[in-house]
Amino acid sequence: MKSPTAYADLFVRRYNPVEKTKGFVWRLIRAVLILGFCFVILFPLFLRISIAFRSKADIYDPTVLWIPRHFTLDNFKIAMESAHYLTSFLNTLYITSSTTIIQMASCTLAAYAFARLKFKGSEILFALVIFTIVVPPQTIMIPLYLTYRYFDLFGLIHLFTGKKGLNLIDTFWPFIISAGTAMGLKNGLYIYIFRQFFRGIPKEVEEAALVDGAGVLRTFSRIMLPNAIPAIVTVLLFSFVWQWNDSYYVSLFLKQVKVLSTSLMDMGVGIKEPDPVYTSMLLNTGVLLTIAPLIAMYLFVQRYFVESVERTGITG
């Protein structure tokens, strides 16, 4: 039971005008900040949606601000035809899905080794993994391109066939091989996230599995992975979104294959329109078509994503 002094302090805090004013001011500032951030984030999206449904006659109409006067779907039709949207969408979906799943497996195995298995040079290797996060990918652009242009695993192809190597450019193999070796897009960050999560799991759980006769791989698959669901969801979403929006690696490895992130540049060249303002409006429509699948995905998984980020401790 609280003492009379505690009740008096509670009464003063609850009904003190100064405290009430401070609380009101803080709530007001917080609301203004949240609304400001929402405006900055959502304004470009709402503007693109408004532009996408405008007709050519609405471009120079100063009375048209948000709601189009002449509602039309022609912009979507022209943008989809110019960007070869269906083909580009299927190629992007295949690359993104396959690399996301493969690098999920490779990154979890590497992170578990760094977190739990003790071997010589592990700290140096993990430092190199962190180093891959801060090194710009442009610094390894030429050797990376040559690796897949003349791909030869340990020189075996040249030994048995006499050829310099296989040309994997304009195929999906560079993405699959990079994901399988945990050297794909942002894989250093994924390894770091999984390593930190695995280190947070009590060792007693693994020791109990070891007493029951479970080996390293069985402990990893039966104990560690089921407990790492929050980290898996977080990395899956990060990997899918970043790979979907990637234009650097796809422009480096794919020249003829159409994907969404590079088809926008081709669309700007393919549109034969003398009006640059209307061309810009069509490009905005193409950008909206590119991010539309991500927006739809986020509407379904945003609750799981927020919960996973909170449980993995990722901030900023």
Protein backbone atom coordinates (compact mmCIF):
# COMPACT_ATOMS: atom_id res chain seq x y z
CA MET A 1 0.00 0.00 0.00
CA LYS A 2 1.33 3.42 -0.94
CA SER A 3 2.10 5.99 1.70
CA PRO A 4 0.24 9.34 1.91
CA THR A 5 3.36 11.07 0.59
CA ALA A 6 3.37 8.91 -2.52
CA TYR A 7 -0.30 9.67 -3.14
CA ALA A 8 0.41 13.38 -2.70
CA ASP A 9 3.25 13.26 -5.21
CA LEU A 10 1.03 11.41 -7.65
CA PHE A 11 -1.72 14.00 -7.21
CA VAL A 12 0.73 16.86 -7.80
CA ARG A 13 2.12 15.26 -10.96
CA ARG A 14 -1.34 14.53 -12.31
CA TYR A 15 -2.96 17.87 -11.64
CA ASN A 16 0.02 20.22 -11.70
CA PRO A 17 -0.55 22.72 -14.53
CA VAL A 18 3.16 22.86 -15.33
CA GLU A 19 3.41 19.10 -15.72
CA LYS A 20 0.25 19.00 -17.81
CA THR A 21 1.62 21.75 -20.04
CA LYS A 22 4.92 19.90 -20.50
CA GLY A 23 3.06 16.73 -21.41
CA PHE A 24 0.87 18.56 -23.91
CA VAL A 25 3.84 20.31 -25.54
CA TRP A 26 5.75 17.02 -25.87
CA ARG A 27 2.75 15.29 -27.44
CA LEU A 28 2.33 18.21 -29.84
CA ILE A 29 6.00 18.15 -30.87
CA ARG A 30 5.88 14.39 -31.32
CA ALA A 31 2.76 14.65 -33.50
CA VAL A 32 4.32 17.38 -35.65
CA LEU A 33 7.50 15.35 -36.14
CA ILE A 34 5.59 12.20 -37.09
CA LEU A 35 3.38 14.10 -39.53
CA GLY A 36 6.44 15.80 -41.01
CA PHE A 37 8.25 12.51 -41.56
CA CYS A 38 5.12 10.96 -43.08
CA PHE A 39 4.76 13.91 -45.44
CA VAL A 40 8.39 13.72 -46.58
CA ILE A 41 8.12 9.96 -47.19
CA LEU A 42 4.66 9.77 -48.74
CA PHE A 43 4.56 13.01 -50.74
CA PRO A 44 6.64 11.68 -53.70
CA LEU A 45 4.53 8.52 -53.82
CA PHE A 46 1.22 10.40 -53.82
CA LEU A 47 2.56 12.82 -56.43
CA ARG A 48 3.57 9.96 -58.75
CA ILE A 49 0.16 8.35 -58.35
CA SER A 50 -1.53 11.63 -59.23
CA ILE A 51 0.70 12.15 -62.27
CA ALA A 52 0.26 8.59 -63.53
CA PHE A 53 -3.48 9.03 -64.07
CA ARG A 54 -3.27 12.42 -65.81
CA SER A 55 -3.83 12.88 -69.49
CA LYS A 56 -1.57 14.88 -71.74
CA ALA A 57 -4.02 17.78 -71.57
CA ASP A 58 -3.58 18.02 -67.77
CA ILE A 59 0.16 18.67 -67.92
CA TYR A 60 -0.04 22.39 -68.53
CA ASP A 61 -3.35 22.95 -66.77
CA PRO A 62 -2.53 25.06 -63.67
CA THR A 63 -5.86 24.15 -62.06
CA VAL A 64 -4.90 20.47 -61.85
CA LEU A 65 -3.06 19.90 -58.58
CA TRP A 66 -3.80 16.44 -57.23
CA ILE A 67 -6.97 15.10 -58.89
CA PRO A 68 -6.68 14.72 -62.69
CA ARG A 69 -9.28 16.50 -64.75
CA HIS A 70 -9.08 13.93 -67.55
CA PHE A 71 -8.61 10.54 -65.91
CA THR A 72 -6.79 8.04 -68.16
CA LEU A 73 -4.89 4.74 -68.10
CA ASP A 74 -2.97 5.42 -71.32
CA ASN A 75 0.18 6.30 -69.39
CA PHE A 76 0.30 2.82 -67.88
CA LYS A 77 -0.29 1.23 -71.26
CA ILE A 78 2.49 3.21 -72.97
CA ALA A 79 4.91 2.65 -70.08
CA MET A 80 4.27 -1.10 -69.98
CA GLU A 81 4.72 -1.46 -73.73
CA SER A 82 7.89 0.63 -73.81
CA ALA A 83 9.49 -1.17 -70.84
CA HIS A 84 8.36 -4.69 -71.87
CA TYR A 85 6.83 -4.84 -68.43
CA LEU A 86 5.66 -8.45 -68.29
CA THR A 87 9.00 -9.89 -69.42
CA SER A 88 10.95 -7.54 -67.18
CA PHE A 89 8.70 -8.32 -64.22
CA LEU A 90 9.11 -12.09 -64.59
CA ASN A 91 12.90 -11.82 -64.96
CA THR A 92 13.14 -9.54 -61.94
CA LEU A 93 10.92 -11.83 -59.90
CA TYR A 94 13.01 -14.86 -60.80
CA ILE A 95 16.34 -13.19 -59.98
CA THR A 96 15.07 -11.66 -56.76
CA SER A 97 13.35 -14.79 -55.45
CA SER A 98 16.18 -17.18 -56.29
CA THR A 99 18.96 -14.99 -54.90
CA THR A 100 16.96 -14.22 -51.76
CA ILE A 101 16.44 -17.89 -50.93
CA ILE A 102 19.98 -18.99 -51.83
CA GLN A 103 21.78 -16.23 -49.98
CA MET A 104 19.52 -16.81 -46.99
CA ALA A 105 20.93 -20.34 -46.73
CA SER A 106 24.55 -19.33 -47.30
CA CYS A 107 24.46 -16.32 -44.96
CA THR A 108 22.85 -18.25 -42.10
CA LEU A 109 25.48 -21.00 -42.34
CA ALA A 110 28.34 -18.49 -42.41
CA ALA A 111 26.87 -16.49 -39.54
CA TYR A 112 26.39 -19.61 -37.41
CA ALA A 113 30.04 -20.55 -37.96
CA PHE A 114 31.21 -17.09 -36.91
CA ALA A 115 28.90 -17.04 -33.89
CA ARG A 116 29.41 -20.51 -32.43
CA LEU A 117 32.29 -22.38 -34.05
CA LYS A 118 35.77 -21.52 -32.86
CA PHE A 119 38.56 -21.83 -35.43
CA LYS A 120 41.80 -20.06 -36.22
CA GLY A 121 41.42 -16.86 -38.15
CA SER A 122 37.67 -16.52 -37.49
CA GLU A 123 38.03 -12.97 -36.21
CA ILE A 124 40.09 -11.97 -39.24
CA LEU A 125 37.56 -13.52 -41.60
CA PHE A 126 34.69 -11.79 -39.86
CA ALA A 127 36.57 -8.49 -40.09
CA LEU A 128 36.78 -9.07 -43.85
CA VAL A 129 33.04 -9.72 -43.90
CA ILE A 130 32.45 -6.36 -42.20
CA PHE A 131 34.90 -4.83 -44.66
CA THR A 132 32.68 -5.89 -47.56
CA ILE A 133 29.90 -3.73 -46.12
CA VAL A 134 31.89 -0.49 -46.30
CA VAL A 135 33.77 -1.13 -49.56
CA PRO A 136 31.95 0.42 -52.55
CA PRO A 137 31.05 -2.22 -55.14
CA GLN A 138 32.48 0.00 -57.88
CA THR A 139 35.99 -0.80 -56.65
CA ILE A 140 35.64 -4.46 -57.69
CA MET A 141 33.56 -3.87 -60.80
CA ILE A 142 36.23 -4.85 -63.36
CA PRO A 143 37.54 -8.04 -61.66
CA LEU A 144 33.96 -9.08 -60.89
CA TYR A 145 32.94 -8.68 -64.52
CA LEU A 146 36.01 -10.57 -65.76
CA THR A 147 35.37 -13.37 -63.27
CA TYR A 148 31.98 -14.15 -64.82
CA ARG A 149 32.99 -13.26 -68.36
CA TYR A 150 35.73 -15.94 -68.25
CA PHE A 151 34.36 -18.11 -65.47
CA ASP A 152 36.68 -21.03 -64.73
CA LEU A 153 36.41 -22.91 -61.43
CA PHE A 154 39.96 -23.62 -60.26
CA GLY A 155 41.07 -23.74 -63.90
CA LEU A 156 39.22 -27.01 -64.54
CA ILE A 157 37.41 -25.77 -67.63
CA HIS A 158 40.65 -24.69 -69.27
CA LEU A 159 42.29 -27.96 -68.23
CA PHE A 160 39.68 -30.24 -69.81
CA THR A 161 38.43 -28.14 -72.73
CA GLY A 162 41.28 -25.77 -73.52
CA LYS A 163 38.90 -22.77 -73.47
CA LYS A 164 39.55 -19.64 -71.43
CA GLY A 165 36.33 -20.13 -69.51
CA LEU A 166 32.56 -19.89 -69.69
CA ASN A 167 30.82 -16.66 -70.56
CA LEU A 168 28.15 -16.21 -67.87
CA ILE A 169 27.28 -12.64 -68.85
CA ASP A 170 23.63 -12.20 -69.85
CA THR A 171 22.66 -15.19 -67.72
CA PHE A 172 21.31 -15.52 -64.20
CA TRP A 173 24.33 -17.53 -63.04
CA PRO A 174 26.35 -14.57 -61.69
CA PHE A 175 23.54 -13.78 -59.25
CA ILE A 176 23.07 -17.41 -58.23
CA ILE A 177 26.79 -18.07 -57.74
CA SER A 178 27.28 -14.85 -55.78
CA ALA A 179 24.33 -15.64 -53.56
CA GLY A 180 25.48 -19.23 -53.01
CA THR A 181 28.94 -18.09 -51.91
CA ALA A 182 27.52 -15.32 -49.65
CA MET A 183 29.13 -12.65 -51.84
CA GLY A 184 25.97 -11.13 -53.29
CA LEU A 185 24.33 -7.78 -52.74
CA LYS A 186 24.58 -6.71 -49.04
CA ASN A 187 25.49 -10.24 -47.93
CA GLY A 188 28.03 -8.92 -45.43
CA LEU A 189 25.22 -7.10 -43.62
CA TYR A 190 23.03 -10.22 -43.58
CA ILE A 191 25.86 -12.29 -42.07
CA TYR A 192 26.36 -9.64 -39.41
CA ILE A 193 22.64 -9.61 -38.52
CA PHE A 194 22.47 -13.40 -38.20
CA ARG A 195 25.73 -13.60 -36.25
CA GLN A 196 24.53 -11.09 -33.67
CA PHE A 197 21.21 -12.92 -33.33
CA PHE A 198 22.85 -16.34 -32.95
CA ARG A 199 25.19 -14.98 -30.29
CA GLY A 200 22.17 -13.84 -28.31
CA ILE A 201 20.77 -17.38 -28.04
CA PRO A 202 21.87 -19.04 -24.77
CA LYS A 203 24.62 -21.62 -25.14
CA GLU A 204 22.79 -23.93 -22.74
CA VAL A 205 20.32 -24.68 -25.52
CA GLU A 206 23.10 -25.97 -27.77
CA GLU A 207 24.71 -27.87 -24.93
CA ALA A 208 21.42 -29.64 -24.23
CA ALA A 209 21.17 -30.61 -27.90
CA LEU A 210 24.77 -31.85 -27.81
CA VAL A 211 23.99 -34.04 -24.79
CA ASP A 212 21.04 -35.51 -26.71
CA GLY A 213 23.44 -36.54 -29.49
CA ALA A 214 22.79 -33.75 -32.01
CA GLY A 215 25.69 -32.72 -34.22
CA VAL A 216 26.54 -29.25 -35.50
CA LEU A 217 24.28 -29.33 -38.55
CA ARG A 218 21.38 -30.89 -36.65
CA THR A 219 21.71 -28.32 -33.87
CA PHE A 220 21.75 -25.59 -36.49
CA SER A 221 18.66 -26.87 -38.31
CA ARG A 222 16.62 -28.00 -35.30
CA ILE A 223 17.58 -25.42 -32.66
CA MET A 224 19.11 -22.28 -34.14
CA LEU A 225 17.00 -21.75 -37.26
CA PRO A 226 13.58 -22.06 -35.54
CA ASN A 227 14.72 -19.50 -32.96
CA ALA A 228 16.04 -17.18 -35.68
CA ILE A 229 12.66 -16.59 -37.36
CA PRO A 230 12.68 -12.82 -36.56
CA ALA A 231 16.12 -12.39 -38.13
CA ILE A 232 15.12 -14.53 -41.12
CA VAL A 233 12.03 -12.41 -41.81
CA THR A 234 14.05 -9.20 -41.52
CA VAL A 235 16.80 -10.38 -43.85
CA LEU A 236 14.30 -11.85 -46.31
CA LEU A 237 12.53 -8.53 -46.70
CA PHE A 238 15.74 -6.53 -46.87
CA SER A 239 17.20 -8.91 -49.43
CA PHE A 240 14.08 -8.96 -51.60
CA VAL A 241 13.68 -5.18 -51.67
CA TRP A 242 17.34 -4.41 -52.31
CA GLN A 243 17.66 -7.02 -55.02
CA TRP A 244 14.42 -5.86 -56.65
CA ASN A 245 15.65 -2.25 -56.82
CA ASP A 246 19.23 -3.12 -57.75
CA SER A 247 20.43 -1.52 -60.96
CA TYR A 248 24.20 -1.77 -60.49
CA TYR A 249 24.72 -5.53 -60.67
CA VAL A 250 21.97 -6.15 -63.23
CA SER A 251 23.42 -3.52 -65.55
CA LEU A 252 26.87 -5.08 -65.05
CA PHE A 253 25.89 -8.69 -65.75
CA LEU A 254 22.81 -8.36 -67.97
CA LYS A 255 22.99 -6.63 -71.32
CA GLN A 256 20.16 -8.22 -73.29
CA VAL A 257 17.97 -9.61 -70.50
CA LYS A 258 15.25 -7.17 -69.48
CA VAL A 259 14.66 -6.36 -65.80
CA LEU A 260 12.58 -3.62 -64.23
CA SER A 261 15.39 -1.52 -62.78
CA THR A 262 17.15 -1.16 -66.14
CA SER A 263 14.09 -1.20 -68.42
CA LEU A 264 13.27 2.33 -67.24
CA MET A 265 16.40 3.62 -68.98
CA ASP A 266 15.45 1.74 -72.11
CA MET A 267 11.94 3.14 -71.84
CA GLY A 268 13.28 6.69 -71.85
CA VAL A 269 15.09 5.93 -75.11
CA GLY A 270 12.20 4.01 -76.66
CA ILE A 271 9.52 6.63 -76.13
CA LYS A 272 9.25 8.72 -79.29
CA GLU A 273 7.65 11.81 -77.81
CA PRO A 274 8.74 15.37 -78.70
CA ASP A 275 7.36 16.76 -75.43
CA PRO A 276 9.98 16.20 -72.69
CA VAL A 277 7.45 16.98 -69.95
CA TYR A 278 5.14 14.22 -71.14
CA THR A 279 8.11 11.85 -71.44
CA SER A 280 8.97 12.64 -67.83
CA MET A 281 5.40 11.85 -66.83
CA LEU A 282 5.62 8.47 -68.57
CA LEU A 283 8.90 7.75 -66.76
CA ASN A 284 7.21 8.58 -63.45
CA THR A 285 4.52 6.09 -64.37
CA GLY A 286 7.20 3.49 -65.09
CA VAL A 287 8.76 4.09 -61.66
CA LEU A 288 5.36 3.59 -60.07
CA LEU A 289 4.95 0.29 -61.94
CA THR A 290 8.37 -0.79 -60.69
CA ILE A 291 7.68 -0.14 -57.01
CA ALA A 292 4.03 -1.25 -57.08
CA PRO A 293 4.85 -4.93 -56.26
CA LEU A 294 6.95 -3.81 -53.29
CA ILE A 295 4.15 -1.61 -51.99
CA ALA A 296 1.68 -4.47 -52.31
CA MET A 297 4.08 -6.82 -50.51
CA TYR A 298 4.64 -4.32 -47.70
CA LEU A 299 0.91 -3.97 -47.10
CA PHE A 300 0.73 -7.70 -46.30
CA VAL A 301 3.98 -8.19 -44.37
CA GLN A 302 4.55 -4.86 -42.62
CA ARG A 303 3.32 -6.19 -39.27
CA TYR A 304 5.73 -9.13 -39.37
CA PHE A 305 8.53 -6.87 -40.55
CA VAL A 306 8.10 -4.39 -37.67
CA GLU A 307 7.93 -7.20 -35.12
CA SER A 308 11.03 -8.85 -36.56
CA VAL A 309 13.04 -5.62 -36.55
CA GLU A 310 12.09 -5.02 -32.92
CA ARG A 311 13.11 -8.55 -31.90
CA THR A 312 16.43 -8.46 -33.77
CA GLY A 313 17.35 -5.09 -32.29
CA ILE A 314 17.95 -3.34 -35.62
CA THR A 315 17.55 0.42 -35.35
CA GLY A 316 18.37 3.36 -37.56
